[in-house]
């Protein structure tokens, strides 16, 4: 089957309507493009859970605040096209901003309590943009299943809650983090890193590994674990910490004692590049 590129909302809606008439299960992988192995793992998981795979590629302006990296966010559609063809994607949905947002667009999806925590402290409008564009993609593509990555843990939680709260008929699957060989999470923004910050960034995952080691050894005090992690991170001058948190993964409320479903999450700046990482204690 030849892969299609659809760039208009009416055409995407009609494509999905035809699949539904055939009772075929639609899987969606929402992306902002510049695809890497992390995205490809989501595509492969989607293929196992659907009959047709749609990958959306859209750098969403509403999730970038003024002064953030919307204009310079890495883009390479031809590269993305090749990877999607190799992975057997059925459709790339590739809309322009004027297709997704009318000039008089005024309606947004807001997750008050969850979006104000963690990344929402330094990026207060970010998740409003994320939730809005994902809701729009759900309405346009009409997927039966959508796959998100655990690297964006807060985002995946907000989307899961949005699906429940707004009664979307879509199954949400959260896939494991994919890392490079040295442990750095796969991220399109890694492109920004020059060699020294790239090396310094490894301390983020190393500190999370240390936290997991302490927990396996019986440590349950969140403050003790955080102190150990902070000592490691502060020992690397190129890293500027945004936050380090131990929270309940259902509420994002801080926990004092580590237990099942605790998320240990980090956000940090390497120069002007902001990276996130986390581990979930099961």
C-alpha atoms as a PDB file:
ATOM      1  CA  UNK A   1       0.000   0.000   0.000  1.00  0.00           C
ATOM      2  CA  UNK A   2       1.366   3.411  -0.975  1.00  0.00           C
ATOM      3  CA  UNK A   3       1.766   5.892   1.853  1.00  0.00           C
ATOM      4  CA  UNK A   4      -0.325   9.029   1.497  1.00  0.00           C
ATOM      5  CA  UNK A   5       0.445  12.571   2.624  1.00  0.00           C
ATOM      6  CA  UNK A   6      -2.712  14.475   3.539  1.00  0.00           C
ATOM      7  CA  UNK A   7      -2.453  18.191   4.226  1.00  0.00           C
ATOM      8  CA  UNK A   8      -6.093  19.300   4.441  1.00  0.00           C
ATOM      9  CA  UNK A   9      -8.628  18.771   7.202  1.00  0.00           C
ATOM     10  CA  UNK A  10     -11.506  17.758   4.897  1.00  0.00           C
ATOM     11  CA  UNK A  11      -9.342  15.140   3.185  1.00  0.00           C
ATOM     12  CA  UNK A  12      -8.199  13.708   6.514  1.00  0.00           C
ATOM     13  CA  UNK A  13     -11.749  13.578   7.829  1.00  0.00           C
ATOM     14  CA  UNK A  14     -12.902  11.780   4.678  1.00  0.00           C
ATOM     15  CA  UNK A  15     -10.034   9.295   4.830  1.00  0.00           C
ATOM     16  CA  UNK A  16     -10.904   8.445   8.440  1.00  0.00           C
ATOM     17  CA  UNK A  17     -14.597   8.181   7.559  1.00  0.00           C
ATOM     18  CA  UNK A  18     -13.819   5.629   4.856  1.00  0.00           C
ATOM     19  CA  UNK A  19     -11.709   3.565   7.255  1.00  0.00           C
ATOM     20  CA  UNK A  20     -14.515   3.572   9.799  1.00  0.00           C
ATOM     21  CA  UNK A  21     -16.983   2.378   7.177  1.00  0.00           C
ATOM     22  CA  UNK A  22     -14.640  -0.550   6.628  1.00  0.00           C
ATOM     23  CA  UNK A  23     -14.490  -1.114  10.402  1.00  0.00           C
ATOM     24  CA  UNK A  24     -10.715  -0.645  10.385  1.00  0.00           C
ATOM     25  CA  UNK A  25      -8.947   0.417  13.567  1.00  0.00           C
ATOM     26  CA  UNK A  26      -7.099   3.744  13.250  1.00  0.00           C
ATOM     27  CA  UNK A  27      -3.895   4.414  15.181  1.00  0.00           C
ATOM     28  CA  UNK A  28      -2.443   7.906  15.623  1.00  0.00           C
ATOM     29  CA  UNK A  29       1.101   8.982  16.500  1.00  0.00           C
ATOM     30  CA  UNK A  30       1.067  12.768  17.106  1.00  0.00           C
ATOM     31  CA  UNK A  31       4.483  14.342  16.440  1.00  0.00           C
ATOM     32  CA  UNK A  32       6.124  17.651  15.647  1.00  0.00           C
ATOM     33  CA  UNK A  33       8.367  15.952  13.124  1.00  0.00           C
ATOM     34  CA  UNK A  34      12.156  15.665  12.980  1.00  0.00           C
ATOM     35  CA  UNK A  35      11.565  12.008  13.691  1.00  0.00           C
ATOM     36  CA  UNK A  36      14.034   9.813  15.572  1.00  0.00           C
ATOM     37  CA  UNK A  37      14.141   6.308  17.018  1.00  0.00           C
ATOM     38  CA  UNK A  38      11.820   7.311  19.864  1.00  0.00           C
ATOM     39  CA  UNK A  39       9.108   8.263  17.375  1.00  0.00           C
ATOM     40  CA  UNK A  40       9.737   5.097  15.370  1.00  0.00           C
ATOM     41  CA  UNK A  41       9.164   2.986  18.486  1.00  0.00           C
ATOM     42  CA  UNK A  42       5.743   4.657  18.833  1.00  0.00           C
ATOM     43  CA  UNK A  43       4.952   3.911  15.191  1.00  0.00           C
ATOM     44  CA  UNK A  44       5.883   0.244  15.633  1.00  0.00           C
ATOM     45  CA  UNK A  45       3.710  -0.043  18.725  1.00  0.00           C
ATOM     46  CA  UNK A  46       0.833   1.637  16.873  1.00  0.00           C
ATOM     47  CA  UNK A  47       1.096  -0.896  14.059  1.00  0.00           C
ATOM     48  CA  UNK A  48       0.587  -3.667  16.615  1.00  0.00           C
ATOM     49  CA  UNK A  49      -2.563  -1.989  17.946  1.00  0.00           C
ATOM     50  CA  UNK A  50      -4.301  -0.786  14.779  1.00  0.00           C
ATOM     51  CA  UNK A  51      -5.099  -1.572  11.156  1.00  0.00           C
ATOM     52  CA  UNK A  52      -3.980   1.776   9.751  1.00  0.00           C
ATOM     53  CA  UNK A  53      -1.277   4.096  11.127  1.00  0.00           C
ATOM     54  CA  UNK A  54      -1.535   7.869  10.856  1.00  0.00           C
ATOM     55  CA  UNK A  55       1.470   9.985  11.846  1.00  0.00           C
ATOM     56  CA  UNK A  56       0.700  13.665  12.293  1.00  0.00           C
ATOM     57  CA  UNK A  57       3.552  16.104  11.713  1.00  0.00           C
ATOM     58  CA  UNK A  58       2.733  19.574  12.947  1.00  0.00           C
ATOM     59  CA  UNK A  59       4.928  22.030  14.833  1.00  0.00           C
ATOM     60  CA  UNK A  60       2.179  23.444  16.986  1.00  0.00           C
ATOM     61  CA  UNK A  61       2.563  27.209  17.515  1.00  0.00           C
ATOM     62  CA  UNK A  62       0.131  27.352  20.423  1.00  0.00           C
ATOM     63  CA  UNK A  63       2.397  25.330  22.735  1.00  0.00           C
ATOM     64  CA  UNK A  64       5.351  27.710  22.338  1.00  0.00           C
ATOM     65  CA  UNK A  65       5.517  30.849  24.464  1.00  0.00           C
ATOM     66  CA  UNK A  66       7.062  34.066  23.106  1.00  0.00           C
ATOM     67  CA  UNK A  67      10.835  33.707  23.124  1.00  0.00           C
ATOM     68  CA  UNK A  68      10.779  29.908  22.931  1.00  0.00           C
ATOM     69  CA  UNK A  69      12.172  27.961  19.988  1.00  0.00           C
ATOM     70  CA  UNK A  70       9.177  27.755  17.636  1.00  0.00           C
ATOM     71  CA  UNK A  71      10.990  29.349  14.701  1.00  0.00           C
ATOM     72  CA  UNK A  72      14.171  27.316  15.058  1.00  0.00           C
ATOM     73  CA  UNK A  73      12.522  24.029  16.112  1.00  0.00           C
ATOM     74  CA  UNK A  74      14.177  21.400  13.875  1.00  0.00           C
ATOM     75  CA  UNK A  75      12.229  20.478  10.758  1.00  0.00           C
ATOM     76  CA  UNK A  76      13.102  18.017   7.984  1.00  0.00           C
ATOM     77  CA  UNK A  77      10.010  16.756   6.220  1.00  0.00           C
ATOM     78  CA  UNK A  78      11.876  14.766   3.563  1.00  0.00           C
ATOM     79  CA  UNK A  79      13.743  12.883   6.276  1.00  0.00           C
ATOM     80  CA  UNK A  80      10.460  12.248   8.113  1.00  0.00           C
ATOM     81  CA  UNK A  81       8.825  11.072   4.890  1.00  0.00           C
ATOM     82  CA  UNK A  82      11.573   8.517   4.285  1.00  0.00           C
ATOM     83  CA  UNK A  83      11.410   7.144   7.826  1.00  0.00           C
ATOM     84  CA  UNK A  84       7.613   6.833   7.710  1.00  0.00           C
ATOM     85  CA  UNK A  85       7.800   4.991   4.395  1.00  0.00           C
ATOM     86  CA  UNK A  86      10.380   2.606   5.818  1.00  0.00           C
ATOM     87  CA  UNK A  87       8.160   1.923   8.842  1.00  0.00           C
ATOM     88  CA  UNK A  88       5.056   1.213   6.757  1.00  0.00           C
ATOM     89  CA  UNK A  89       3.037   4.227   7.869  1.00  0.00           C
ATOM     90  CA  UNK A  90      -0.233   4.532   5.961  1.00  0.00           C
ATOM     91  CA  UNK A  91      -0.783   8.287   6.168  1.00  0.00           C
ATOM     92  CA  UNK A  92       1.189  11.341   7.169  1.00  0.00           C
ATOM     93  CA  UNK A  93      -1.178  14.113   8.229  1.00  0.00           C
ATOM     94  CA  UNK A  94       0.800  17.274   7.492  1.00  0.00           C
ATOM     95  CA  UNK A  95      -1.421  20.325   7.943  1.00  0.00           C
ATOM     96  CA  UNK A  96      -0.362  23.951   7.770  1.00  0.00           C
ATOM     97  CA  UNK A  97      -0.988  26.213  10.753  1.00  0.00           C
ATOM     98  CA  UNK A  98      -3.748  28.018   8.827  1.00  0.00           C
ATOM     99  CA  UNK A  99      -5.507  24.656   8.456  1.00  0.00           C
ATOM    100  CA  UNK A 100      -5.325  23.890  12.179  1.00  0.00           C
ATOM    101  CA  UNK A 101      -6.006  27.381  13.550  1.00  0.00           C
ATOM    102  CA  UNK A 102      -8.337  29.842  11.908  1.00  0.00           C
ATOM    103  CA  UNK A 103      -7.366  33.488  12.189  1.00  0.00           C
ATOM    104  CA  UNK A 104     -10.192  34.023  14.699  1.00  0.00           C
ATOM    105  CA  UNK A 105      -9.454  30.902  16.792  1.00  0.00           C
ATOM    106  CA  UNK A 106     -10.402  31.522  20.437  1.00  0.00           C
ATOM    107  CA  UNK A 107     -11.134  28.127  22.040  1.00  0.00           C
ATOM    108  CA  UNK A 108      -8.561  26.168  24.043  1.00  0.00           C
ATOM    109  CA  UNK A 109      -8.460  23.088  26.267  1.00  0.00           C
ATOM    110  CA  UNK A 110      -7.121  23.861  29.739  1.00  0.00           C
ATOM    111  CA  UNK A 111      -6.144  21.343  32.417  1.00  0.00           C
ATOM    112  CA  UNK A 112      -5.993  23.638  35.426  1.00  0.00           C
ATOM    113  CA  UNK A 113      -4.420  21.582  38.204  1.00  0.00           C
ATOM    114  CA  UNK A 114      -2.184  19.196  36.255  1.00  0.00           C
ATOM    115  CA  UNK A 115      -0.853  21.779  33.798  1.00  0.00           C
ATOM    116  CA  UNK A 116       0.256  24.176  36.556  1.00  0.00           C
ATOM    117  CA  UNK A 117       2.784  21.745  38.030  1.00  0.00           C
ATOM    118  CA  UNK A 118       6.293  20.612  36.996  1.00  0.00           C
ATOM    119  CA  UNK A 119       6.907  21.943  33.462  1.00  0.00           C
ATOM    120  CA  UNK A 120       3.886  24.207  33.812  1.00  0.00           C
ATOM    121  CA  UNK A 121       5.685  26.395  36.341  1.00  0.00           C
ATOM    122  CA  UNK A 122       8.273  27.635  33.842  1.00  0.00           C
ATOM    123  CA  UNK A 123       6.039  27.079  30.772  1.00  0.00           C
ATOM    124  CA  UNK A 124       2.601  28.232  31.997  1.00  0.00           C
ATOM    125  CA  UNK A 125       0.883  28.231  28.576  1.00  0.00           C
ATOM    126  CA  UNK A 126       2.523  25.097  27.185  1.00  0.00           C
ATOM    127  CA  UNK A 127      -0.020  22.442  28.096  1.00  0.00           C
ATOM    128  CA  UNK A 128      -2.954  24.585  27.009  1.00  0.00           C
ATOM    129  CA  UNK A 129      -1.453  24.431  23.528  1.00  0.00           C
ATOM    130  CA  UNK A 130      -0.654  20.725  23.781  1.00  0.00           C
ATOM    131  CA  UNK A 131      -4.111  19.692  24.991  1.00  0.00           C
ATOM    132  CA  UNK A 132      -5.801  21.868  22.394  1.00  0.00           C
ATOM    133  CA  UNK A 133      -3.868  20.532  19.424  1.00  0.00           C
ATOM    134  CA  UNK A 134      -4.249  16.918  20.571  1.00  0.00           C
ATOM    135  CA  UNK A 135      -8.004  17.409  20.994  1.00  0.00           C
ATOM    136  CA  UNK A 136      -8.124  18.825  17.474  1.00  0.00           C
ATOM    137  CA  UNK A 137      -6.125  15.891  16.109  1.00  0.00           C
ATOM    138  CA  UNK A 138      -8.479  13.445  17.829  1.00  0.00           C
ATOM    139  CA  UNK A 139     -11.475  15.162  16.226  1.00  0.00           C
ATOM    140  CA  UNK A 140      -9.862  15.269  12.777  1.00  0.00           C
ATOM    141  CA  UNK A 141      -8.161  11.855  12.609  1.00  0.00           C
ATOM    142  CA  UNK A 142     -10.751  10.086  14.809  1.00  0.00           C
ATOM    143  CA  UNK A 143      -8.297   7.459  16.044  1.00  0.00           C
ATOM    144  CA  UNK A 144      -9.226   4.376  18.013  1.00  0.00           C
ATOM    145  CA  UNK A 145      -5.819   4.425  19.688  1.00  0.00           C
ATOM    146  CA  UNK A 146      -3.138   7.082  20.128  1.00  0.00           C
ATOM    147  CA  UNK A 147       0.403   6.463  21.321  1.00  0.00           C
ATOM    148  CA  UNK A 148       2.454   8.864  23.440  1.00  0.00           C
ATOM    149  CA  UNK A 149       5.909   8.554  24.985  1.00  0.00           C
ATOM    150  CA  UNK A 150       6.748   8.280  28.675  1.00  0.00           C
ATOM    151  CA  UNK A 151       9.532  10.857  28.219  1.00  0.00           C
ATOM    152  CA  UNK A 152       6.770  13.481  28.156  1.00  0.00           C
ATOM    153  CA  UNK A 153       5.226  12.034  31.300  1.00  0.00           C
ATOM    154  CA  UNK A 154       3.258  15.111  32.354  1.00  0.00           C
ATOM    155  CA  UNK A 155       1.899  15.507  28.830  1.00  0.00           C
ATOM    156  CA  UNK A 156       0.781  11.875  28.710  1.00  0.00           C
ATOM    157  CA  UNK A 157      -1.022  12.258  32.052  1.00  0.00           C
ATOM    158  CA  UNK A 158      -2.793  15.431  30.913  1.00  0.00           C
ATOM    159  CA  UNK A 159      -3.890  13.736  27.671  1.00  0.00           C
ATOM    160  CA  UNK A 160      -5.145  10.679  29.545  1.00  0.00           C
ATOM    161  CA  UNK A 161      -7.165  12.898  31.868  1.00  0.00           C
ATOM    162  CA  UNK A 162      -8.499  14.961  28.959  1.00  0.00           C
ATOM    163  CA  UNK A 163      -9.724  11.800  27.241  1.00  0.00           C
ATOM    164  CA  UNK A 164     -11.614  10.782  30.385  1.00  0.00           C
ATOM    165  CA  UNK A 165     -12.911  14.240  31.283  1.00  0.00           C
ATOM    166  CA  UNK A 166     -14.057  15.149  27.749  1.00  0.00           C
ATOM    167  CA  UNK A 167     -15.272  11.663  26.797  1.00  0.00           C
ATOM    168  CA  UNK A 168     -13.039  11.034  23.792  1.00  0.00           C
ATOM    169  CA  UNK A 169     -13.514   7.519  22.423  1.00  0.00           C
ATOM    170  CA  UNK A 170      -9.792   6.852  22.046  1.00  0.00           C
ATOM    171  CA  UNK A 171      -7.487   4.463  23.847  1.00  0.00           C
ATOM    172  CA  UNK A 172      -4.269   6.070  25.096  1.00  0.00           C
ATOM    173  CA  UNK A 173      -1.115   3.959  25.258  1.00  0.00           C
ATOM    174  CA  UNK A 174       2.035   5.347  26.872  1.00  0.00           C
ATOM    175  CA  UNK A 175       5.220   3.777  25.491  1.00  0.00           C
ATOM    176  CA  UNK A 176       8.560   3.434  27.319  1.00  0.00           C
ATOM    177  CA  UNK A 177      11.343   5.999  26.984  1.00  0.00           C
ATOM    178  CA  UNK A 178      13.831   5.262  24.209  1.00  0.00           C
ATOM    179  CA  UNK A 179      17.398   6.253  25.018  1.00  0.00           C
ATOM    180  CA  UNK A 180      20.638   6.591  23.143  1.00  0.00           C
ATOM    181  CA  UNK A 181      23.374   4.116  24.040  1.00  0.00           C
ATOM    182  CA  UNK A 182      24.790   6.393  26.743  1.00  0.00           C
ATOM    183  CA  UNK A 183      21.366   6.931  28.355  1.00  0.00           C
ATOM    184  CA  UNK A 184      20.362  10.324  26.970  1.00  0.00           C
ATOM    185  CA  UNK A 185      16.683  10.365  26.075  1.00  0.00           C
ATOM    186  CA  UNK A 186      15.859  10.552  22.372  1.00  0.00           C
ATOM    187  CA  UNK A 187      14.659  14.096  21.652  1.00  0.00           C
ATOM    188  CA  UNK A 188      14.453  16.320  18.599  1.00  0.00           C
ATOM    189  CA  UNK A 189      16.025  19.078  20.699  1.00  0.00           C
ATOM    190  CA  UNK A 190      19.203  17.030  21.150  1.00  0.00           C
ATOM    191  CA  UNK A 191      20.159  18.529  17.788  1.00  0.00           C
ATOM    192  CA  UNK A 192      20.839  21.798  19.581  1.00  0.00           C
ATOM    193  CA  UNK A 193      23.499  20.286  21.861  1.00  0.00           C
ATOM    194  CA  UNK A 194      27.163  20.871  21.130  1.00  0.00           C
ATOM    195  CA  UNK A 195      29.604  18.219  22.473  1.00  0.00           C
ATOM    196  CA  UNK A 196      30.203  19.694  25.959  1.00  0.00           C
ATOM    197  CA  UNK A 197      26.521  20.220  26.904  1.00  0.00           C
ATOM    198  CA  UNK A 198      25.716  16.881  25.277  1.00  0.00           C
ATOM    199  CA  UNK A 199      28.159  15.163  27.630  1.00  0.00           C
ATOM    200  CA  UNK A 200      26.922  17.174  30.617  1.00  0.00           C
ATOM    201  CA  UNK A 201      23.321  16.140  29.903  1.00  0.00           C
ATOM    202  CA  UNK A 202      24.144  12.539  30.787  1.00  0.00           C
ATOM    203  CA  UNK A 203      24.042  13.438  34.489  1.00  0.00           C
ATOM    204  CA  UNK A 204      20.247  13.709  34.279  1.00  0.00           C
ATOM    205  CA  UNK A 205      19.745  10.010  33.604  1.00  0.00           C
ATOM    206  CA  UNK A 206      22.676   9.072  35.819  1.00  0.00           C
ATOM    207  CA  UNK A 207      20.978  10.791  38.747  1.00  0.00           C
ATOM    208  CA  UNK A 208      17.734   8.972  37.977  1.00  0.00           C
ATOM    209  CA  UNK A 209      19.615   5.675  37.872  1.00  0.00           C
ATOM    210  CA  UNK A 210      21.110   6.523  41.267  1.00  0.00           C
ATOM    211  CA  UNK A 211      17.613   7.192  42.607  1.00  0.00           C
ATOM    212  CA  UNK A 212      16.437   3.792  41.366  1.00  0.00           C
ATOM    213  CA  UNK A 213      19.471   2.152  42.976  1.00  0.00           C
ATOM    214  CA  UNK A 214      18.720   3.783  46.326  1.00  0.00           C
ATOM    215  CA  UNK A 215      15.088   2.669  46.127  1.00  0.00           C
ATOM    216  CA  UNK A 216      16.127  -0.911  45.356  1.00  0.00           C
ATOM    217  CA  UNK A 217      18.354  -0.756  48.434  1.00  0.00           C
ATOM    218  CA  UNK A 218      15.346   0.207  50.558  1.00  0.00           C
ATOM    219  CA  UNK A 219      15.491   4.001  50.676  1.00  0.00           C
ATOM    220  CA  UNK A 220      11.982   5.485  50.664  1.00  0.00           C
ATOM    221  CA  UNK A 221      12.516   9.076  51.826  1.00  0.00           C
ATOM    222  CA  UNK A 222      12.016  11.366  48.836  1.00  0.00           C
ATOM    223  CA  UNK A 223      14.098  14.132  50.413  1.00  0.00           C
ATOM    224  CA  UNK A 224      17.110  11.829  50.804  1.00  0.00           C
ATOM    225  CA  UNK A 225      16.863  10.687  47.209  1.00  0.00           C
ATOM    226  CA  UNK A 226      16.496  14.232  45.954  1.00  0.00           C
ATOM    227  CA  UNK A 227      19.531  15.408  47.943  1.00  0.00           C
ATOM    228  CA  UNK A 228      21.652  12.678  46.395  1.00  0.00           C
ATOM    229  CA  UNK A 229      20.446  13.538  42.910  1.00  0.00           C
ATOM    230  CA  UNK A 230      20.983  17.261  43.478  1.00  0.00           C
ATOM    231  CA  UNK A 231      24.560  16.653  44.590  1.00  0.00           C
ATOM    232  CA  UNK A 232      25.258  14.759  41.377  1.00  0.00           C
ATOM    233  CA  UNK A 233      23.612  17.362  39.138  1.00  0.00           C
ATOM    234  CA  UNK A 234      25.170  20.360  40.870  1.00  0.00           C
ATOM    235  CA  UNK A 235      28.563  18.777  40.307  1.00  0.00           C
ATOM    236  CA  UNK A 236      28.183  19.383  36.556  1.00  0.00           C
ATOM    237  CA  UNK A 237      28.573  23.138  35.893  1.00  0.00           C
ATOM    238  CA  UNK A 238      26.899  23.163  32.464  1.00  0.00           C
ATOM    239  CA  UNK A 239      23.549  21.978  33.883  1.00  0.00           C
ATOM    240  CA  UNK A 240      21.009  24.528  35.161  1.00  0.00           C
ATOM    241  CA  UNK A 241      18.185  22.728  36.935  1.00  0.00           C
ATOM    242  CA  UNK A 242      14.601  23.815  36.268  1.00  0.00           C
ATOM    243  CA  UNK A 243      13.046  21.310  38.665  1.00  0.00           C
ATOM    244  CA  UNK A 244      13.608  17.975  40.352  1.00  0.00           C
ATOM    245  CA  UNK A 245      10.433  16.425  41.718  1.00  0.00           C
ATOM    246  CA  UNK A 246       9.090  13.231  43.260  1.00  0.00           C
ATOM    247  CA  UNK A 247       5.337  13.158  42.686  1.00  0.00           C
ATOM    248  CA  UNK A 248       2.356  10.866  42.525  1.00  0.00           C
ATOM    249  CA  UNK A 249       1.884  10.087  38.847  1.00  0.00           C
ATOM    250  CA  UNK A 250      -1.908  10.378  38.991  1.00  0.00           C
ATOM    251  CA  UNK A 251      -2.018  13.815  40.622  1.00  0.00           C
ATOM    252  CA  UNK A 252       1.519  15.261  40.276  1.00  0.00           C
ATOM    253  CA  UNK A 253       1.326  16.113  43.976  1.00  0.00           C
ATOM    254  CA  UNK A 254       4.654  15.822  45.850  1.00  0.00           C
ATOM    255  CA  UNK A 255       5.256  12.648  47.844  1.00  0.00           C
ATOM    256  CA  UNK A 256       7.406  12.367  50.954  1.00  0.00           C
ATOM    257  CA  UNK A 257       7.729   8.587  50.786  1.00  0.00           C
ATOM    258  CA  UNK A 258       8.537   6.721  47.581  1.00  0.00           C
ATOM    259  CA  UNK A 259       5.888   4.173  46.725  1.00  0.00           C
ATOM    260  CA  UNK A 260       4.356   2.531  43.686  1.00  0.00           C
ATOM    261  CA  UNK A 261       3.337   5.012  40.963  1.00  0.00           C
ATOM    262  CA  UNK A 262       5.841   7.652  42.053  1.00  0.00           C
ATOM    263  CA  UNK A 263       7.285   9.706  39.204  1.00  0.00           C
ATOM    264  CA  UNK A 264      10.780  11.095  39.646  1.00  0.00           C
ATOM    265  CA  UNK A 265      11.074  13.890  37.084  1.00  0.00           C
ATOM    266  CA  UNK A 266      13.774  16.321  36.020  1.00  0.00           C
ATOM    267  CA  UNK A 267      13.884  19.335  33.723  1.00  0.00           C
ATOM    268  CA  UNK A 268      17.146  21.169  33.117  1.00  0.00           C
ATOM    269  CA  UNK A 269      18.788  23.623  30.786  1.00  0.00           C
ATOM    270  CA  UNK A 270      21.991  22.842  28.940  1.00  0.00           C
ATOM    271  CA  UNK A 271      22.822  26.312  27.693  1.00  0.00           C
ATOM    272  CA  UNK A 272      19.538  27.413  26.111  1.00  0.00           C
ATOM    273  CA  UNK A 273      18.348  23.851  25.434  1.00  0.00           C
ATOM    274  CA  UNK A 274      15.763  22.515  27.863  1.00  0.00           C
ATOM    275  CA  UNK A 275      15.671  18.737  28.366  1.00  0.00           C
ATOM    276  CA  UNK A 276      13.371  16.550  30.440  1.00  0.00           C
ATOM    277  CA  UNK A 277      13.728  13.025  31.795  1.00  0.00           C
ATOM    278  CA  UNK A 278      12.012  10.799  34.327  1.00  0.00           C
ATOM    279  CA  UNK A 279      11.599   7.359  35.800  1.00  0.00           C
ATOM    280  CA  UNK A 280       8.359   5.844  37.047  1.00  0.00           C
ATOM    281  CA  UNK A 281       8.546   3.646  40.135  1.00  0.00           C
ATOM    282  CA  UNK A 282       6.128   0.796  39.529  1.00  0.00           C
END
